[in-house]
Amino acid sequence: MIVIYADLSQGYQQVNNAKVTAIVERPSPYGAVELPLLDNGGGADTTKDDGIYSAYFLDFVDANCQRSCRYGIQVMANDEDGRAIVFGAATNSASKPIYYSIIPEKGDPQPVEILTA
């Protein structure tokens, strides 16, 4: 068993109420598994509404692989029908949320900003 975590934020602001899904690619001939990641404080998620979505992954293939057993994980997030919210960074979740669509739709890649020191 492993735990898959996704920290969903915009800058230093946490994002809540998003739909977050992990797609776990398993060794051939086994197919991919879609796994919803939750931020509800239950199961693998230790703190509700902190912007960290998580779930347990249990669907491993035979432990005695004759070839290398490699897994790949891709995490996708979308704005669940306009319900995703971003909390202000100044006072974290106690501050008034700002409502707007900040999560790209599936298939709409966004560049990742690389910060250098």
PDB file of N, CA and C in Angstrom:
ATOM      1  N   MET A   1       0.843  -1.168   0.000  1.00  0.00           N
ATOM      2  CA  MET A   1       0.000   0.000   0.000  1.00  0.00           C
ATOM      3  C   MET A   1       0.893   1.238   0.000  1.00  0.00           C
ATOM      4  N   ILE A   2       0.519   2.198  -0.823  1.00  0.00           N
ATOM      5  CA  ILE A   2       1.189   3.497  -0.801  1.00  0.00           C
ATOM      6  C   ILE A   2       0.122   4.582  -0.725  1.00  0.00           C
ATOM      7  N   VAL A   3       0.543   5.766  -0.334  1.00  0.00           N
ATOM      8  CA  VAL A   3      -0.356   6.908  -0.314  1.00  0.00           C
ATOM      9  C   VAL A   3       0.091   7.854  -1.424  1.00  0.00           C
ATOM     10  N   ILE A   4      -0.859   8.293  -2.214  1.00  0.00           N
ATOM     11  CA  ILE A   4      -0.586   9.275  -3.264  1.00  0.00           C
ATOM     12  C   ILE A   4      -1.102  10.614  -2.761  1.00  0.00           C
ATOM     13  N   TYR A   5      -0.215  11.623  -2.766  1.00  0.00           N
ATOM     14  CA  TYR A   5      -0.554  12.973  -2.325  1.00  0.00           C
ATOM     15  C   TYR A   5      -0.461  13.935  -3.499  1.00  0.00           C
ATOM     16  N   ALA A   6      -1.347  14.914  -3.524  1.00  0.00           N
ATOM     17  CA  ALA A   6      -1.267  16.013  -4.485  1.00  0.00           C
ATOM     18  C   ALA A   6      -1.554  17.301  -3.725  1.00  0.00           C
ATOM     19  N   ASP A   7      -0.588  18.209  -3.708  1.00  0.00           N
ATOM     20  CA  ASP A   7      -0.735  19.494  -3.039  1.00  0.00           C
ATOM     21  C   ASP A   7      -1.208  20.483  -4.101  1.00  0.00           C
ATOM     22  N   LEU A   8      -2.460  20.882  -4.023  1.00  0.00           N
ATOM     23  CA  LEU A   8      -3.067  21.739  -5.037  1.00  0.00           C
ATOM     24  C   LEU A   8      -3.091  23.167  -4.535  1.00  0.00           C
ATOM     25  N   SER A   9      -2.368  24.028  -5.239  1.00  0.00           N
ATOM     26  CA  SER A   9      -2.293  25.424  -4.818  1.00  0.00           C
ATOM     27  C   SER A   9      -2.105  26.325  -6.018  1.00  0.00           C
ATOM     28  N   GLN A  10      -2.394  27.596  -5.793  1.00  0.00           N
ATOM     29  CA  GLN A  10      -2.081  28.641  -6.757  1.00  0.00           C
ATOM     30  C   GLN A  10      -1.154  29.588  -6.011  1.00  0.00           C
ATOM     31  N   GLY A  11       0.116  29.543  -6.380  1.00  0.00           N
ATOM     32  CA  GLY A  11       1.110  30.276  -5.604  1.00  0.00           C
ATOM     33  C   GLY A  11       1.186  29.677  -4.218  1.00  0.00           C
ATOM     34  N   TYR A  12       0.995  30.498  -3.185  1.00  0.00           N
ATOM     35  CA  TYR A  12       1.002  30.013  -1.810  1.00  0.00           C
ATOM     36  C   TYR A  12      -0.406  29.807  -1.267  1.00  0.00           C
ATOM     37  N   GLN A  13      -1.399  29.863  -2.128  1.00  0.00           N
ATOM     38  CA  GLN A  13      -2.791  29.750  -1.699  1.00  0.00           C
ATOM     39  C   GLN A  13      -3.337  28.360  -2.008  1.00  0.00           C
ATOM     40  N   GLN A  14      -3.957  27.738  -1.023  1.00  0.00           N
ATOM     41  CA  GLN A  14      -4.506  26.392  -1.204  1.00  0.00           C
ATOM     42  C   GLN A  14      -5.779  26.440  -2.034  1.00  0.00           C
ATOM     43  N   VAL A  15      -6.034  25.349  -2.756  1.00  0.00           N
ATOM     44  CA  VAL A  15      -7.237  25.215  -3.564  1.00  0.00           C
ATOM     45  C   VAL A  15      -8.092  24.107  -2.962  1.00  0.00           C
ATOM     46  N   ASN A  16      -9.361  24.424  -2.713  1.00  0.00           N
ATOM     47  CA  ASN A  16     -10.299  23.458  -2.153  1.00  0.00           C
ATOM     48  C   ASN A  16     -11.444  23.208  -3.127  1.00  0.00           C
ATOM     49  N   ASN A  17     -12.151  22.102  -2.913  1.00  0.00           N
ATOM     50  CA  ASN A  17     -13.327  21.706  -3.682  1.00  0.00           C
ATOM     51  C   ASN A  17     -13.027  21.383  -5.143  1.00  0.00           C
ATOM     52  N   ALA A  18     -11.811  21.022  -5.446  1.00  0.00           N
ATOM     53  CA  ALA A  18     -11.463  20.624  -6.809  1.00  0.00           C
ATOM     54  C   ALA A  18     -11.684  19.128  -6.976  1.00  0.00           C
ATOM     55  N   LYS A  19     -11.779  18.694  -8.205  1.00  0.00           N
ATOM     56  CA  LYS A  19     -11.841  17.256  -8.501  1.00  0.00           C
ATOM     57  C   LYS A  19     -10.428  16.850  -8.900  1.00  0.00           C
ATOM     58  N   VAL A  20      -9.803  16.006  -8.095  1.00  0.00           N
ATOM     59  CA  VAL A  20      -8.422  15.594  -8.315  1.00  0.00           C
ATOM     60  C   VAL A  20      -8.398  14.081  -8.526  1.00  0.00           C
ATOM     61  N   THR A  21      -7.741  13.663  -9.601  1.00  0.00           N
ATOM     62  CA  THR A  21      -7.682  12.249  -9.951  1.00  0.00           C
ATOM     63  C   THR A  21      -6.246  11.856 -10.256  1.00  0.00           C
ATOM     64  N   ALA A  22      -5.823  10.731  -9.702  1.00  0.00           N
ATOM     65  CA  ALA A  22      -4.519  10.155 -10.039  1.00  0.00           C
ATOM     66  C   ALA A  22      -4.768   9.014 -11.024  1.00  0.00           C
ATOM     67  N   ILE A  23      -3.968   8.968 -12.086  1.00  0.00           N
ATOM     68  CA  ILE A  23      -4.015   7.848 -13.017  1.00  0.00           C
ATOM     69  C   ILE A  23      -2.712   7.089 -12.827  1.00  0.00           C
ATOM     70  N   VAL A  24      -2.831   5.847 -12.371  1.00  0.00           N
ATOM     71  CA  VAL A  24      -1.658   5.026 -12.083  1.00  0.00           C
ATOM     72  C   VAL A  24      -1.481   4.033 -13.222  1.00  0.00           C
ATOM     73  N   GLU A  25      -0.365   4.171 -13.946  1.00  0.00           N
ATOM     74  CA  GLU A  25      -0.026   3.243 -15.027  1.00  0.00           C
ATOM     75  C   GLU A  25       0.682   2.055 -14.399  1.00  0.00           C
ATOM     76  N   ARG A  26       0.153   0.866 -14.671  1.00  0.00           N
ATOM     77  CA  ARG A  26       0.732  -0.353 -14.124  1.00  0.00           C
ATOM     78  C   ARG A  26       1.498  -1.088 -15.224  1.00  0.00           C
ATOM     79  N   PRO A  27       2.351  -2.035 -14.849  1.00  0.00           N
ATOM     80  CA  PRO A  27       3.132  -2.774 -15.855  1.00  0.00           C
ATOM     81  C   PRO A  27       2.225  -3.487 -16.855  1.00  0.00           C
ATOM     82  N   SER A  28       2.733  -3.633 -18.067  1.00  0.00           N
ATOM     83  CA  SER A  28       2.009  -4.355 -19.109  1.00  0.00           C
ATOM     84  C   SER A  28       1.880  -5.815 -18.694  1.00  0.00           C
ATOM     85  N   PRO A  29       0.798  -6.454 -18.907  1.00  0.00           N
ATOM     86  CA  PRO A  29      -0.393  -6.121 -19.690  1.00  0.00           C
ATOM     87  C   PRO A  29      -1.512  -5.506 -18.869  1.00  0.00           C
ATOM     88  N   TYR A  30      -1.242  -5.108 -17.647  1.00  0.00           N
ATOM     89  CA  TYR A  30      -2.272  -4.541 -16.779  1.00  0.00           C
ATOM     90  C   TYR A  30      -2.562  -3.111 -17.207  1.00  0.00           C
ATOM     91  N   GLY A  31      -3.798  -2.721 -17.091  1.00  0.00           N
ATOM     92  CA  GLY A  31      -4.193  -1.380 -17.508  1.00  0.00           C
ATOM     93  C   GLY A  31      -4.005  -0.345 -16.420  1.00  0.00           C
ATOM     94  N   ALA A  32      -4.306   0.873 -16.780  1.00  0.00           N
ATOM     95  CA  ALA A  32      -4.219   1.989 -15.841  1.00  0.00           C
ATOM     96  C   ALA A  32      -5.401   1.954 -14.877  1.00  0.00           C
ATOM     97  N   VAL A  33      -5.195   2.555 -13.717  1.00  0.00           N
ATOM     98  CA  VAL A  33      -6.231   2.647 -12.693  1.00  0.00           C
ATOM     99  C   VAL A  33      -6.455   4.124 -12.389  1.00  0.00           C
ATOM    100  N   GLU A  34      -7.718   4.555 -12.412  1.00  0.00           N
ATOM    101  CA  GLU A  34      -8.055   5.922 -12.006  1.00  0.00           C
ATOM    102  C   GLU A  34      -8.417   5.904 -10.532  1.00  0.00           C
ATOM    103  N   LEU A  35      -7.844   6.843  -9.790  1.00  0.00           N
ATOM    104  CA  LEU A  35      -8.025   6.881  -8.351  1.00  0.00           C
ATOM    105  C   LEU A  35      -8.373   8.308  -7.934  1.00  0.00           C
ATOM    106  N   PRO A  36      -9.581   8.541  -7.403  1.00  0.00           N
ATOM    107  CA  PRO A  36      -9.908   9.890  -6.939  1.00  0.00           C
ATOM    108  C   PRO A  36      -9.110  10.228  -5.679  1.00  0.00           C
ATOM    109  N   LEU A  37      -8.539  11.429  -5.661  1.00  0.00           N
ATOM    110  CA  LEU A  37      -7.833  11.921  -4.478  1.00  0.00           C
ATOM    111  C   LEU A  37      -8.766  12.882  -3.756  1.00  0.00           C
ATOM    112  N   LEU A  38      -8.844  12.732  -2.443  1.00  0.00           N
ATOM    113  CA  LEU A  38      -9.800  13.511  -1.664  1.00  0.00           C
ATOM    114  C   LEU A  38      -9.109  14.388  -0.625  1.00  0.00           C
ATOM    115  N   ASP A  39      -9.777  15.477  -0.275  1.00  0.00           N
ATOM    116  CA  ASP A  39      -9.313  16.391   0.766  1.00  0.00           C
ATOM    117  C   ASP A  39     -10.414  16.517   1.817  1.00  0.00           C
ATOM    118  N   ASN A  40     -10.858  15.368   2.325  1.00  0.00           N
ATOM    119  CA  ASN A  40     -12.005  15.342   3.231  1.00  0.00           C
ATOM    120  C   ASN A  40     -11.657  14.933   4.661  1.00  0.00           C
ATOM    121  N   GLY A  41     -10.381  14.720   4.946  1.00  0.00           N
ATOM    122  CA  GLY A  41      -9.968  14.338   6.292  1.00  0.00           C
ATOM    123  C   GLY A  41     -10.172  12.878   6.621  1.00  0.00           C
ATOM    124  N   GLY A  42     -10.611  12.069   5.653  1.00  0.00           N
ATOM    125  CA  GLY A  42     -10.837  10.648   5.892  1.00  0.00           C
ATOM    126  C   GLY A  42      -9.860   9.790   5.115  1.00  0.00           C
ATOM    127  N   GLY A  43      -9.709   8.545   5.531  1.00  0.00           N
ATOM    128  CA  GLY A  43      -8.821   7.622   4.832  1.00  0.00           C
ATOM    129  C   GLY A  43      -7.384   8.098   4.861  1.00  0.00           C
ATOM    130  N   ALA A  44      -6.779   8.218   3.694  1.00  0.00           N
ATOM    131  CA  ALA A  44      -5.377   8.640   3.594  1.00  0.00           C
ATOM    132  C   ALA A  44      -5.197  10.129   3.860  1.00  0.00           C
ATOM    133  N   ASP A  45      -6.267  10.901   3.783  1.00  0.00           N
ATOM    134  CA  ASP A  45      -6.181  12.353   3.972  1.00  0.00           C
ATOM    135  C   ASP A  45      -6.249  12.664   5.465  1.00  0.00           C
ATOM    136  N   THR A  46      -5.192  13.255   5.996  1.00  0.00           N
ATOM    137  CA  THR A  46      -5.130  13.477   7.441  1.00  0.00           C
ATOM    138  C   THR A  46      -5.790  14.780   7.892  1.00  0.00           C
ATOM    139  N   THR A  47      -5.854  15.791   7.003  1.00  0.00           N
ATOM    140  CA  THR A  47      -6.420  17.079   7.383  1.00  0.00           C
ATOM    141  C   THR A  47      -7.405  17.550   6.328  1.00  0.00           C
ATOM    142  N   LYS A  48      -8.624  17.797   6.739  1.00  0.00           N
ATOM    143  CA  LYS A  48      -9.667  18.239   5.816  1.00  0.00           C
ATOM    144  C   LYS A  48      -9.417  19.679   5.355  1.00  0.00           C
ATOM    145  N   ASP A  49      -9.670  19.925   4.059  1.00  0.00           N
ATOM    146  CA  ASP A  49      -9.637  21.269   3.463  1.00  0.00           C
ATOM    147  C   ASP A  49      -8.303  21.994   3.621  1.00  0.00           C
ATOM    148  N   ASP A  50      -7.189  21.248   3.514  1.00  0.00           N
ATOM    149  CA  ASP A  50      -5.878  21.892   3.571  1.00  0.00           C
ATOM    150  C   ASP A  50      -5.241  22.023   2.193  1.00  0.00           C
ATOM    151  N   GLY A  51      -5.977  21.612   1.138  1.00  0.00           N
ATOM    152  CA  GLY A  51      -5.443  21.695  -0.226  1.00  0.00           C
ATOM    153  C   GLY A  51      -4.567  20.517  -0.598  1.00  0.00           C
ATOM    154  N   ILE A  52      -4.404  19.558   0.308  1.00  0.00           N
ATOM    155  CA  ILE A  52      -3.625  18.357   0.012  1.00  0.00           C
ATOM    156  C   ILE A  52      -4.608  17.201  -0.165  1.00  0.00           C
ATOM    157  N   TYR A  53      -4.661  16.704  -1.385  1.00  0.00           N
ATOM    158  CA  TYR A  53      -5.580  15.629  -1.760  1.00  0.00           C
ATOM    159  C   TYR A  53      -4.813  14.310  -1.715  1.00  0.00           C
ATOM    160  N   SER A  54      -5.449  13.243  -1.240  1.00  0.00           N
ATOM    161  CA  SER A  54      -4.719  11.988  -1.093  1.00  0.00           C
ATOM    162  C   SER A  54      -5.650  10.788  -1.156  1.00  0.00           C
ATOM    163  N   ALA A  55      -5.028   9.613  -1.388  1.00  0.00           N
ATOM    164  CA  ALA A  55      -5.747   8.336  -1.400  1.00  0.00           C
ATOM    165  C   ALA A  55      -4.740   7.210  -1.279  1.00  0.00           C
ATOM    166  N   TYR A  56      -5.224   6.068  -0.812  1.00  0.00           N
ATOM    167  CA  TYR A  56      -4.407   4.861  -0.777  1.00  0.00           C
ATOM    168  C   TYR A  56      -4.454   4.191  -2.138  1.00  0.00           C
ATOM    169  N   PHE A  57      -3.303   3.666  -2.597  1.00  0.00           N
ATOM    170  CA  PHE A  57      -3.268   2.855  -3.814  1.00  0.00           C
ATOM    171  C   PHE A  57      -2.952   1.424  -3.395  1.00  0.00           C
ATOM    172  N   LEU A  58      -3.843   0.498  -3.782  1.00  0.00           N
ATOM    173  CA  LEU A  58      -3.704  -0.902  -3.387  1.00  0.00           C
ATOM    174  C   LEU A  58      -3.666  -1.859  -4.563  1.00  0.00           C
ATOM    175  N   ASP A  59      -3.910  -1.381  -5.782  1.00  0.00           N
ATOM    176  CA  ASP A  59      -4.061  -2.251  -6.948  1.00  0.00           C
ATOM    177  C   ASP A  59      -2.727  -2.605  -7.612  1.00  0.00           C
ATOM    178  N   PHE A  60      -1.828  -3.175  -6.825  1.00  0.00           N
ATOM    179  CA  PHE A  60      -0.552  -3.613  -7.369  1.00  0.00           C
ATOM    180  C   PHE A  60      -0.732  -4.927  -8.111  1.00  0.00           C
ATOM    181  N   VAL A  61       0.145  -5.171  -9.075  1.00  0.00           N
ATOM    182  CA  VAL A  61       0.120  -6.443  -9.795  1.00  0.00           C
ATOM    183  C   VAL A  61       0.954  -7.456  -9.019  1.00  0.00           C
ATOM    184  N   ASP A  62       1.064  -8.651  -9.543  1.00  0.00           N
ATOM    185  CA  ASP A  62       1.807  -9.739  -8.911  1.00  0.00           C
ATOM    186  C   ASP A  62       3.175  -9.259  -8.432  1.00  0.00           C
ATOM    187  N   ALA A  63       3.473  -9.512  -7.164  1.00  0.00           N
ATOM    188  CA  ALA A  63       4.742  -9.067  -6.579  1.00  0.00           C
ATOM    189  C   ALA A  63       5.946  -9.804  -7.161  1.00  0.00           C
ATOM    190  N   ASN A  64       5.723 -10.913  -7.829  1.00  0.00           N
ATOM    191  CA  ASN A  64       6.820 -11.693  -8.405  1.00  0.00           C
ATOM    192  C   ASN A  64       6.971 -11.423  -9.899  1.00  0.00           C
ATOM    193  N   CYS A  65       7.058 -10.163 -10.258  1.00  0.00           N
ATOM    194  CA  CYS A  65       7.195  -9.803 -11.675  1.00  0.00           C
ATOM    195  C   CYS A  65       8.469 -10.431 -12.243  1.00  0.00           C
ATOM    196  N   GLN A  66       8.353 -10.988 -13.434  1.00  0.00           N
ATOM    197  CA  GLN A  66       9.536 -11.542 -14.092  1.00  0.00           C
ATOM    198  C   GLN A  66      10.353 -10.428 -14.720  1.00  0.00           C
ATOM    199  N   ARG A  67       9.680  -9.348 -15.070  1.00  0.00           N
ATOM    200  CA  ARG A  67      10.370  -8.169 -15.579  1.00  0.00           C
ATOM    201  C   ARG A  67      10.278  -7.068 -14.532  1.00  0.00           C
ATOM    202  N   SER A  68      10.864  -5.978 -14.820  1.00  0.00           N
ATOM    203  CA  SER A  68      10.810  -4.845 -13.910  1.00  0.00           C
ATOM    204  C   SER A  68       9.361  -4.373 -13.756  1.00  0.00           C
ATOM    205  N   CYS A  69       8.914  -4.203 -12.553  1.00  0.00           N
ATOM    206  CA  CYS A  69       7.563  -3.704 -12.287  1.00  0.00           C
ATOM    207  C   CYS A  69       7.646  -2.214 -11.983  1.00  0.00           C
ATOM    208  N   ARG A  70       7.403  -1.420 -12.981  1.00  0.00           N
ATOM    209  CA  ARG A  70       7.443   0.034 -12.807  1.00  0.00           C
ATOM    210  C   ARG A  70       6.040   0.593 -12.912  1.00  0.00           C
ATOM    211  N   TYR A  71       5.793   1.604 -12.128  1.00  0.00           N
ATOM    212  CA  TYR A  71       4.510   2.271 -12.109  1.00  0.00           C
ATOM    213  C   TYR A  71       4.723   3.742 -12.425  1.00  0.00           C
ATOM    214  N   GLY A  72       3.767   4.337 -13.090  1.00  0.00           N
ATOM    215  CA  GLY A  72       3.799   5.772 -13.371  1.00  0.00           C
ATOM    216  C   GLY A  72       2.538   6.404 -12.806  1.00  0.00           C
ATOM    217  N   ILE A  73       2.663   7.620 -12.312  1.00  0.00           N
ATOM    218  CA  ILE A  73       1.507   8.310 -11.741  1.00  0.00           C
ATOM    219  C   ILE A  73       1.370   9.676 -12.394  1.00  0.00           C
ATOM    220  N   GLN A  74       0.172   9.967 -12.859  1.00  0.00           N
ATOM    221  CA  GLN A  74      -0.161  11.274 -13.408  1.00  0.00           C
ATOM    222  C   GLN A  74      -1.341  11.794 -12.605  1.00  0.00           C
ATOM    223  N   VAL A  75      -1.274  13.036 -12.153  1.00  0.00           N
ATOM    224  CA  VAL A  75      -2.353  13.620 -11.374  1.00  0.00           C
ATOM    225  C   VAL A  75      -2.986  14.738 -12.181  1.00  0.00           C
ATOM    226  N   MET A  76      -4.312  14.720 -12.228  1.00  0.00           N
ATOM    227  CA  MET A  76      -5.051  15.758 -12.946  1.00  0.00           C
ATOM    228  C   MET A  76      -6.044  16.406 -11.984  1.00  0.00           C
ATOM    229  N   ALA A  77      -6.262  17.697 -12.164  1.00  0.00           N
ATOM    230  CA  ALA A  77      -7.240  18.426 -11.358  1.00  0.00           C
ATOM    231  C   ALA A  77      -8.091  19.275 -12.270  1.00  0.00           C
ATOM    232  N   ASN A  78      -9.363  19.411 -11.925  1.00  0.00           N
ATOM    233  CA  ASN A  78     -10.206  20.332 -12.665  1.00  0.00           C
ATOM    234  C   ASN A  78     -11.156  21.037 -11.717  1.00  0.00           C
ATOM    235  N   ASP A  79     -11.711  22.121 -12.198  1.00  0.00           N
ATOM    236  CA  ASP A  79     -12.606  22.947 -11.401  1.00  0.00           C
ATOM    237  C   ASP A  79     -13.988  22.320 -11.437  1.00  0.00           C
ATOM    238  N   GLU A  80     -14.295  21.550 -10.457  1.00  0.00           N
ATOM    239  CA  GLU A  80     -15.540  20.792 -10.361  1.00  0.00           C
ATOM    240  C   GLU A  80     -16.752  21.708 -10.540  1.00  0.00           C
ATOM    241  N   ASP A  81     -17.102  21.969 -11.787  1.00  0.00           N
ATOM    242  CA  ASP A  81     -18.265  22.802 -12.138  1.00  0.00           C
ATOM    243  C   ASP A  81     -18.229  24.181 -11.479  1.00  0.00           C
ATOM    244  N   GLY A  82     -17.050  24.786 -11.417  1.00  0.00           N
ATOM    245  CA  GLY A  82     -16.931  26.135 -10.877  1.00  0.00           C
ATOM    246  C   GLY A  82     -16.963  26.213  -9.362  1.00  0.00           C
ATOM    247  N   ARG A  83     -16.802  25.095  -8.670  1.00  0.00           N
ATOM    248  CA  ARG A  83     -16.873  25.094  -7.203  1.00  0.00           C
ATOM    249  C   ARG A  83     -15.513  25.209  -6.530  1.00  0.00           C
ATOM    250  N   ALA A  84     -14.430  25.104  -7.277  1.00  0.00           N
ATOM    251  CA  ALA A  84     -13.101  25.196  -6.659  1.00  0.00           C
ATOM    252  C   ALA A  84     -12.890  26.608  -6.134  1.00  0.00           C
ATOM    253  N   ILE A  85     -12.252  26.704  -4.981  1.00  0.00           N
ATOM    254  CA  ILE A  85     -11.997  28.002  -4.374  1.00  0.00           C
ATOM    255  C   ILE A  85     -10.534  28.092  -3.961  1.00  0.00           C
ATOM    256  N   VAL A  86     -10.025  29.322  -3.977  1.00  0.00           N
ATOM    257  CA  VAL A  86      -8.658  29.611  -3.553  1.00  0.00           C
ATOM    258  C   VAL A  86      -8.750  30.446  -2.293  1.00  0.00           C
ATOM    259  N   PHE A  87      -8.050  30.000  -1.244  1.00  0.00           N
ATOM    260  CA  PHE A  87      -8.058  30.744   0.004  1.00  0.00           C
ATOM    261  C   PHE A  87      -6.900  31.717   0.039  1.00  0.00           C
ATOM    262  N   GLY A  88      -7.129  32.905   0.585  1.00  0.00           N
ATOM    263  CA  GLY A  88      -6.093  33.919   0.693  1.00  0.00           C
ATOM    264  C   GLY A  88      -4.929  33.445   1.539  1.00  0.00           C
ATOM    265  N   ALA A  89      -3.729  33.836   1.164  1.00  0.00           N
ATOM    266  CA  ALA A  89      -2.526  33.379   1.837  1.00  0.00           C
ATOM    267  C   ALA A  89      -2.307  34.055   3.186  1.00  0.00           C
ATOM    268  N   ALA A  90      -2.866  35.237   3.402  1.00  0.00           N
ATOM    269  CA  ALA A  90      -2.562  35.998   4.608  1.00  0.00           C
ATOM    270  C   ALA A  90      -2.986  35.275   5.884  1.00  0.00           C
ATOM    271  N   THR A  91      -4.193  34.736   5.916  1.00  0.00           N
ATOM    272  CA  THR A  91      -4.663  34.068   7.128  1.00  0.00           C
ATOM    273  C   THR A  91      -5.109  32.650   6.839  1.00  0.00           C
ATOM    274  N   ASN A  92      -4.665  32.048   5.807  1.00  0.00           N
ATOM    275  CA  ASN A  92      -4.988  30.726   5.274  1.00  0.00           C
ATOM    276  C   ASN A  92      -6.484  30.471   5.254  1.00  0.00           C
ATOM    277  N   SER A  93      -6.954  29.293   5.683  1.00  0.00           N
ATOM    278  CA  SER A  93      -8.342  28.899   5.448  1.00  0.00           C
ATOM    279  C   SER A  93      -9.364  29.747   6.208  1.00  0.00           C
ATOM    280  N   ALA A  94      -8.940  30.542   7.168  1.00  0.00           N
ATOM    281  CA  ALA A  94      -9.892  31.376   7.895  1.00  0.00           C
ATOM    282  C   ALA A  94     -10.267  32.619   7.108  1.00  0.00           C
ATOM    283  N   SER A  95      -9.519  32.936   6.057  1.00  0.00           N
ATOM    284  CA  SER A  95      -9.821  34.132   5.286  1.00  0.00           C
ATOM    285  C   SER A  95     -10.977  33.884   4.329  1.00  0.00           C
ATOM    286  N   LYS A  96     -11.529  34.949   3.827  1.00  0.00           N
ATOM    287  CA  LYS A  96     -12.650  34.840   2.889  1.00  0.00           C
ATOM    288  C   LYS A  96     -12.159  34.259   1.561  1.00  0.00           C
ATOM    289  N   PRO A  97     -12.823  33.214   1.058  1.00  0.00           N
ATOM    290  CA  PRO A  97     -12.377  32.612  -0.199  1.00  0.00           C
ATOM    291  C   PRO A  97     -12.651  33.508  -1.396  1.00  0.00           C
ATOM    292  N   ILE A  98     -11.817  33.364  -2.407  1.00  0.00           N
ATOM    293  CA  ILE A  98     -11.973  34.071  -3.672  1.00  0.00           C
ATOM    294  C   ILE A  98     -12.458  33.042  -4.678  1.00  0.00           C
ATOM    295  N   TYR A  99     -13.638  33.237  -5.270  1.00  0.00           N
ATOM    296  CA  TYR A  99     -14.196  32.270  -6.191  1.00  0.00           C
ATOM    297  C   TYR A  99     -13.845  32.626  -7.626  1.00  0.00           C
ATOM    298  N   TYR A 100     -13.146  31.749  -8.315  1.00  0.00           N
ATOM    299  CA  TYR A 100     -12.932  31.858  -9.747  1.00  0.00           C
ATOM    300  C   TYR A 100     -12.282  30.592 -10.237  1.00  0.00           C
ATOM    301  N   SER A 101     -12.390  30.382 -11.521  1.00  0.00           N
ATOM    302  CA  SER A 101     -11.865  29.149 -12.109  1.00  0.00           C
ATOM    303  C   SER A 101     -10.361  29.281 -12.274  1.00  0.00           C
ATOM    304  N   ILE A 102      -9.608  28.465 -11.540  1.00  0.00           N
ATOM    305  CA  ILE A 102      -8.151  28.561 -11.595  1.00  0.00           C
ATOM    306  C   ILE A 102      -7.501  27.270 -12.050  1.00  0.00           C
ATOM    307  N   ILE A 103      -8.308  26.230 -12.237  1.00  0.00           N
ATOM    308  CA  ILE A 103      -7.737  24.934 -12.559  1.00  0.00           C
ATOM    309  C   ILE A 103      -7.957  24.646 -14.029  1.00  0.00           C
ATOM    310  N   PRO A 104      -6.909  24.280 -14.774  1.00  0.00           N
ATOM    311  CA  PRO A 104      -7.090  24.000 -16.196  1.00  0.00           C
ATOM    312  C   PRO A 104      -7.966  22.781 -16.425  1.00  0.00           C
ATOM    313  N   GLU A 105      -8.711  22.804 -17.516  1.00  0.00           N
ATOM    314  CA  GLU A 105      -9.516  21.659 -17.897  1.00  0.00           C
ATOM    315  C   GLU A 105      -8.615  20.536 -18.365  1.00  0.00           C
ATOM    316  N   LYS A 106      -9.132  19.319 -18.315  1.00  0.00           N
ATOM    317  CA  LYS A 106      -8.386  18.149 -18.778  1.00  0.00           C
ATOM    318  C   LYS A 106      -7.957  18.371 -20.220  1.00  0.00           C
ATOM    319  N   GLY A 107      -6.713  18.090 -20.510  1.00  0.00           N
ATOM    320  CA  GLY A 107      -6.192  18.248 -21.864  1.00  0.00           C
ATOM    321  C   GLY A 107      -5.732  19.662 -22.172  1.00  0.00           C
ATOM    322  N   ASP A 108      -5.796  20.560 -21.196  1.00  0.00           N
ATOM    323  CA  ASP A 108      -5.373  21.939 -21.394  1.00  0.00           C
ATOM    324  C   ASP A 108      -4.125  22.177 -20.543  1.00  0.00           C
ATOM    325  N   PRO A 109      -2.948  21.743 -21.020  1.00  0.00           N
ATOM    326  CA  PRO A 109      -1.735  21.835 -20.193  1.00  0.00           C
ATOM    327  C   PRO A 109      -1.342  23.278 -19.911  1.00  0.00           C
ATOM    328  N   GLN A 110      -0.820  23.468 -18.737  1.00  0.00           N
ATOM    329  CA  GLN A 110      -0.337  24.776 -18.315  1.00  0.00           C
ATOM    330  C   GLN A 110       1.155  24.682 -18.037  1.00  0.00           C
ATOM    331  N   PRO A 111       1.928  25.686 -18.422  1.00  0.00           N
ATOM    332  CA  PRO A 111       3.367  25.633 -18.143  1.00  0.00           C
ATOM    333  C   PRO A 111       3.640  25.694 -16.648  1.00  0.00           C
ATOM    334  N   VAL A 112       4.691  25.029 -16.228  1.00  0.00           N
ATOM    335  CA  VAL A 112       5.101  25.046 -14.837  1.00  0.00           C
ATOM    336  C   VAL A 112       6.244  26.034 -14.703  1.00  0.00           C
ATOM    337  N   GLU A 113       6.095  26.974 -13.768  1.00  0.00           N
ATOM    338  CA  GLU A 113       7.118  27.971 -13.560  1.00  0.00           C
ATOM    339  C   GLU A 113       8.273  27.369 -12.769  1.00  0.00           C
ATOM    340  N   ILE A 114       9.486  27.483 -13.281  1.00  0.00           N
ATOM    341  CA  ILE A 114      10.669  27.000 -12.595  1.00  0.00           C
ATOM    342  C   ILE A 114      11.301  28.159 -11.842  1.00  0.00           C
ATOM    343  N   LEU A 115      11.405  28.021 -10.530  1.00  0.00           N
ATOM    344  CA  LEU A 115      12.000  29.067  -9.707  1.00  0.00           C
ATOM    345  C   LEU A 115      13.477  28.737  -9.480  1.00  0.00           C
ATOM    346  N   THR A 116      14.320  29.722  -9.667  1.00  0.00           N
ATOM    347  CA  THR A 116      15.739  29.527  -9.419  1.00  0.00           C
ATOM    348  C   THR A 116      16.183  30.458  -8.295  1.00  0.00           C
ATOM    349  N   ALA A 117      17.174  30.004  -7.573  1.00  0.00           N
ATOM    350  CA  ALA A 117      17.659  30.791  -6.442  1.00  0.00           C
ATOM    351  C   ALA A 117      18.604  31.873  -6.892  1.00  0.00           C
TER     352      ALA A 117
END
